[in-house]
Protein backbone atom coordinates (compact mmCIF):
# COMPACT_ATOMS: atom_id res chain seq x y z
CA MET A 1 -1.97 -72.37 -40.55
CA GLU A 2 -3.57 -74.47 -43.09
CA LEU A 3 -1.88 -75.58 -46.30
CA PRO A 4 -3.23 -76.81 -49.39
CA GLN A 5 -3.49 -80.37 -49.87
CA PRO A 6 -2.08 -82.19 -51.63
CA PRO A 7 1.29 -80.34 -51.28
CA VAL A 8 1.96 -77.85 -53.92
CA PRO A 9 5.68 -76.87 -54.81
CA VAL A 10 5.01 -73.09 -54.64
CA LEU A 11 3.23 -71.34 -51.53
CA ASP A 12 2.71 -67.80 -52.71
CA LEU A 13 1.70 -66.35 -49.43
CA ALA A 14 2.71 -62.93 -50.06
CA ASP A 15 1.20 -62.56 -53.54
CA GLN A 16 4.54 -61.85 -55.33
CA LEU A 17 3.76 -63.93 -58.50
CA SER A 18 0.97 -63.93 -60.98
CA SER A 19 -1.39 -66.79 -60.90
CA LYS A 20 0.31 -67.78 -64.58
CA GLU A 21 3.79 -67.44 -63.15
CA GLU A 22 2.81 -69.26 -59.92
CA ALA A 23 1.40 -72.37 -62.02
CA GLU A 24 4.21 -72.20 -64.55
CA LEU A 25 6.83 -72.00 -61.71
CA ALA A 26 5.07 -75.08 -59.89
CA GLU A 27 5.34 -77.10 -63.31
CA HIS A 28 8.83 -76.18 -63.51
CA LEU A 29 9.79 -77.31 -59.93
CA SER A 30 7.88 -80.49 -60.44
CA ARG A 31 9.68 -81.31 -63.94
CA LEU A 32 13.12 -80.43 -62.17
CA GLU A 33 12.28 -83.16 -59.51
CA GLU A 34 11.20 -85.79 -61.85
CA GLU A 35 14.26 -85.25 -64.24
CA THR A 36 17.04 -84.75 -61.62
CA GLY A 37 15.69 -86.08 -58.36
CA TRP A 38 16.65 -82.58 -56.66
CA LYS A 39 13.81 -81.04 -54.99
CA LEU A 40 13.31 -77.00 -55.13
CA ARG A 41 10.57 -75.56 -53.28
CA VAL A 42 9.46 -71.85 -53.04
CA LEU A 43 7.98 -69.88 -50.32
CA THR A 44 6.98 -66.38 -50.37
CA GLN A 45 5.85 -64.76 -47.09
CA PHE A 46 5.13 -61.52 -45.30
CA ASP A 47 2.45 -61.26 -42.73
CA GLN A 48 1.69 -64.86 -43.08
CA THR A 49 4.39 -67.56 -42.54
CA PRO A 50 4.03 -71.49 -42.22
CA GLY A 51 7.17 -71.56 -40.14
CA ARG A 52 8.56 -75.00 -39.56
CA GLN A 53 5.53 -76.68 -40.93
CA VAL A 54 7.08 -76.47 -44.39
CA LYS A 55 9.60 -79.00 -43.47
CA GLU A 56 7.21 -81.78 -43.04
CA TYR A 57 4.88 -80.54 -45.67
CA TRP A 58 7.28 -80.61 -48.39
CA GLY A 59 9.26 -83.40 -46.85
CA LEU A 60 12.66 -81.49 -47.00
CA ASN A 61 15.76 -83.57 -46.80
CA GLU A 62 19.50 -83.60 -47.76
CA ARG A 63 18.70 -83.13 -51.52
CA SER A 64 16.36 -80.30 -50.97
CA VAL A 65 16.33 -76.54 -51.47
CA LEU A 66 13.83 -74.21 -49.84
CA MET A 67 14.05 -70.68 -51.36
CA VAL A 68 12.11 -68.09 -49.16
CA ALA A 69 11.30 -64.72 -50.43
CA ASP A 70 10.67 -62.06 -47.62
CA PRO A 71 10.73 -58.59 -48.54
CA ARG A 72 10.97 -57.51 -44.66
CA GLY A 73 14.87 -58.19 -44.50
CA GLY A 74 17.64 -56.46 -46.08
CA ASN A 75 17.66 -58.96 -48.65
CA LEU A 76 14.54 -60.61 -50.41
CA LEU A 77 15.91 -64.08 -50.87
CA ALA A 78 17.03 -66.72 -48.45
CA PHE A 79 17.96 -70.39 -48.95
CA ASN A 80 17.68 -73.55 -46.66
CA VAL A 81 20.08 -75.99 -48.24
CA GLY A 82 20.24 -79.80 -47.66
CA ASP A 83 23.56 -81.30 -47.01
CA ALA A 84 23.88 -83.19 -50.20
CA VAL A 85 23.03 -80.05 -52.14
CA ARG A 86 26.00 -78.08 -50.51
CA GLU A 87 28.47 -80.75 -51.81
CA ILE A 88 27.73 -79.57 -55.70
CA LEU A 89 26.84 -75.81 -54.82
CA PRO A 90 29.06 -74.70 -52.13
CA ARG A 91 28.49 -71.63 -49.39
CA THR A 92 30.05 -69.08 -51.79
CA PHE A 93 27.75 -69.88 -54.47
CA TRP A 94 24.50 -69.35 -52.29
CA ILE A 95 25.95 -66.03 -51.13
CA GLU A 96 26.48 -64.82 -54.65
CA LEU A 97 23.25 -65.92 -55.71
CA GLN A 98 21.46 -64.17 -52.89
CA SER A 99 23.38 -60.98 -53.53
CA ARG A 100 22.76 -60.86 -57.17
CA PHE A 101 18.78 -61.56 -57.40
CA GLY A 102 17.91 -60.64 -54.02
CA ASN A 103 19.33 -57.25 -53.27
CA GLN A 104 17.26 -54.16 -53.02
CA PHE A 105 18.56 -52.58 -56.27
CA TYR A 106 17.70 -55.49 -58.26
CA VAL A 107 14.24 -56.20 -56.74
CA GLN A 108 13.25 -52.42 -57.32
CA GLU A 109 14.32 -52.43 -61.03
CA HIS A 110 12.99 -55.96 -62.18
CA GLY A 111 10.29 -56.79 -59.30
CA ALA A 112 10.58 -59.56 -56.88
CA HIS A 113 8.76 -61.97 -59.20
CA ARG A 114 11.81 -61.52 -61.50
CA ALA A 115 14.11 -62.02 -58.71
CA ILE A 116 12.63 -65.25 -57.72
CA LEU A 117 12.24 -66.51 -61.24
CA GLU A 118 15.87 -65.83 -62.27
CA ALA A 119 17.26 -67.51 -59.20
CA VAL A 120 15.14 -70.46 -60.08
CA GLU A 121 16.55 -70.57 -63.42
CA VAL A 122 20.18 -70.48 -62.30
CA LEU A 123 19.49 -73.22 -59.77
CA ASP A 124 17.63 -75.45 -62.55
CA ARG A 125 20.85 -74.92 -64.79
CA CYS A 126 23.22 -75.88 -61.91
CA PHE A 127 21.50 -79.00 -60.88
CA ARG A 128 21.12 -80.19 -64.50
CA GLN A 129 24.78 -79.77 -65.18
CA GLY A 130 25.89 -81.54 -61.78
CA GLY A 131 26.82 -78.32 -59.69
CA CYS A 132 28.35 -74.91 -60.07
CA ARG A 133 31.06 -73.28 -58.20
CA VAL A 134 29.95 -69.77 -59.12
CA VAL A 135 26.81 -68.49 -60.22
CA PRO A 136 26.49 -68.42 -64.02
CA GLY A 137 26.08 -65.31 -66.10
CA LEU A 138 27.94 -62.06 -65.99
CA PRO A 139 25.91 -58.94 -64.82
CA GLN A 140 27.10 -55.46 -66.70
CA GLU A 141 28.28 -54.10 -63.30
CA GLN A 142 30.35 -57.19 -62.52
CA TRP A 143 32.04 -57.23 -66.11
CA ILE A 144 32.75 -53.38 -65.71
CA LEU A 145 34.43 -54.03 -62.28
CA THR A 146 36.60 -56.95 -64.00
CA LEU A 147 37.46 -54.46 -66.81
CA ILE A 148 38.79 -51.96 -64.25
CA THR A 149 40.82 -54.26 -62.60
CA SER A 150 42.29 -55.67 -65.94
CA ILE A 151 43.27 -51.94 -66.69
CA LEU A 152 44.72 -51.15 -63.39
CA GLY A 153 46.87 -54.58 -64.01
CA GLY A 154 48.34 -53.30 -67.28
CA ILE A 155 49.05 -49.96 -65.58
CA VAL A 156 51.11 -51.75 -62.98
CA PHE A 157 52.66 -54.01 -65.74
CA GLY A 158 53.35 -51.08 -67.94
CA PHE A 159 54.91 -48.82 -65.04
CA ALA A 160 57.25 -51.74 -63.99
CA GLY A 161 58.30 -52.35 -67.54
CA LYS A 162 59.41 -48.73 -68.24
CA PRO A 163 62.83 -48.75 -69.16
CA ARG A 164 65.26 -46.99 -66.88
CA GLN A 165 68.55 -47.17 -68.75
CA GLY A 166 69.37 -45.30 -71.76
CA GLU A 167 69.32 -48.28 -74.55
CA GLU A 168 66.70 -50.52 -72.55
CA VAL A 169 63.52 -51.10 -74.34
CA PHE A 170 61.55 -52.87 -71.80
CA ASN A 171 62.38 -53.67 -68.19
CA TRP A 172 61.53 -57.21 -67.67
CA ARG A 173 63.40 -57.63 -64.41
CA TRP A 174 60.92 -55.15 -62.67
CA ALA A 175 58.10 -56.52 -64.62
CA LEU A 176 58.72 -60.03 -63.40
CA LEU A 177 59.49 -58.76 -59.94
CA ILE A 178 56.10 -57.32 -59.05
CA SER A 179 54.28 -59.98 -61.59
CA PRO A 180 52.17 -61.08 -58.50
CA LEU A 181 50.57 -57.70 -58.21
CA TRP A 182 49.69 -57.18 -61.95
CA PHE A 183 48.78 -60.92 -62.43
CA ILE A 184 46.46 -60.97 -59.46
CA LEU A 185 44.69 -57.78 -60.86
CA PHE A 186 44.54 -59.02 -64.39
CA GLY A 187 44.43 -62.68 -64.04
CA ALA A 188 42.50 -63.39 -60.45
CA PHE A 189 40.28 -60.37 -60.69
CA GLY A 190 39.97 -59.58 -64.37
CA LEU A 191 39.81 -62.56 -66.24
CA GLY A 192 38.97 -65.27 -63.67
CA PRO A 193 35.51 -64.04 -62.86
CA VAL A 194 34.58 -63.65 -66.67
CA VAL A 195 36.09 -67.19 -67.67
CA ALA A 196 34.25 -68.85 -64.74
CA ARG A 197 30.79 -67.29 -65.54
CA THR A 198 30.47 -67.32 -69.11
CA ARG A 199 31.64 -68.74 -72.51
CA ASP A 200 31.03 -65.58 -74.39
CA TRP A 201 34.66 -64.51 -75.58
CA LEU A 202 33.80 -60.83 -76.21
CA PRO A 203 34.07 -59.72 -72.51
CA VAL A 204 37.55 -61.65 -72.48
CA VAL A 205 38.90 -59.87 -75.37
CA ARG A 206 37.63 -56.33 -73.97
CA ASN A 207 39.57 -57.18 -70.79
CA ILE A 208 42.59 -58.28 -72.57
CA LEU A 209 42.51 -54.94 -74.80
CA GLY A 210 42.05 -53.22 -71.67
CA PHE A 211 45.02 -54.55 -69.96
CA LEU A 212 47.02 -53.83 -73.19
CA ALA A 213 45.74 -50.30 -73.21
CA GLY A 214 46.49 -49.47 -69.73
CA ALA A 215 50.06 -51.02 -70.10
CA LEU A 216 50.95 -49.11 -73.26
CA ALA A 217 49.45 -45.64 -71.85
CA ILE A 218 51.50 -45.90 -68.97
CA TYR A 219 54.64 -47.20 -70.93
CA LEU A 220 54.59 -44.41 -73.21
CA ALA A 221 53.98 -41.79 -70.50
CA PRO A 222 57.03 -39.51 -69.97
CA ILE A 223 58.71 -40.05 -66.44
CA PRO A 224 58.76 -36.73 -64.89
CA GLN A 225 62.66 -35.48 -64.06
CA PRO A 226 63.66 -33.86 -60.99
CA ALA A 227 64.30 -30.28 -61.65
CA GLU A 228 67.93 -30.25 -61.25
CA ASP A 229 68.28 -32.95 -63.65
CA ARG A 230 66.48 -30.66 -66.22
CA GLN A 231 68.70 -27.75 -65.73
């Protein structure tokens, strides 16, 4: 198929972007390449597709990223990534980026144009700061999941620390014995994803409070006694 000459950084063959969005995005991508040396190109397609023409058309190389937006698959977004790009943006980053903005729920709620533009904003930020291990930003649903795991970690910690002898105040032995479990729930799955994705202290404080609330609730809850012990 005939492609516009001279080459443009955005090929919106599926009409996913308005004329204004397409022009602003093209300017954005050109500025990114000039200022950082990283080449990001965007292709939307549906019944029209240029296929492998785009590689030569855009001169894609190891410092290039091709973002393809095609609604026919299960996920709107797909990425073709150069070898040099993978050194600063690992495979797990691309999986998270695709699943966050390209999933059907996000596209239905915000539109394909927002999915494309938001993904570009993330890539711009990561290229300018020299790379990312995870996708910046903390979606509400992801934070809720970290809060739940923080509370679960607190419950495990509080249950392990319940006194099991008459004058015991806190059972540090059991709390330390099963520390790998509550620490993974609270640290790795509760605080870790939050700290890695945002500098906002509010979700961190909330997760800590969730951990403490879960621990305190189970710690203060009475332990059911066998029937024969109550007689």
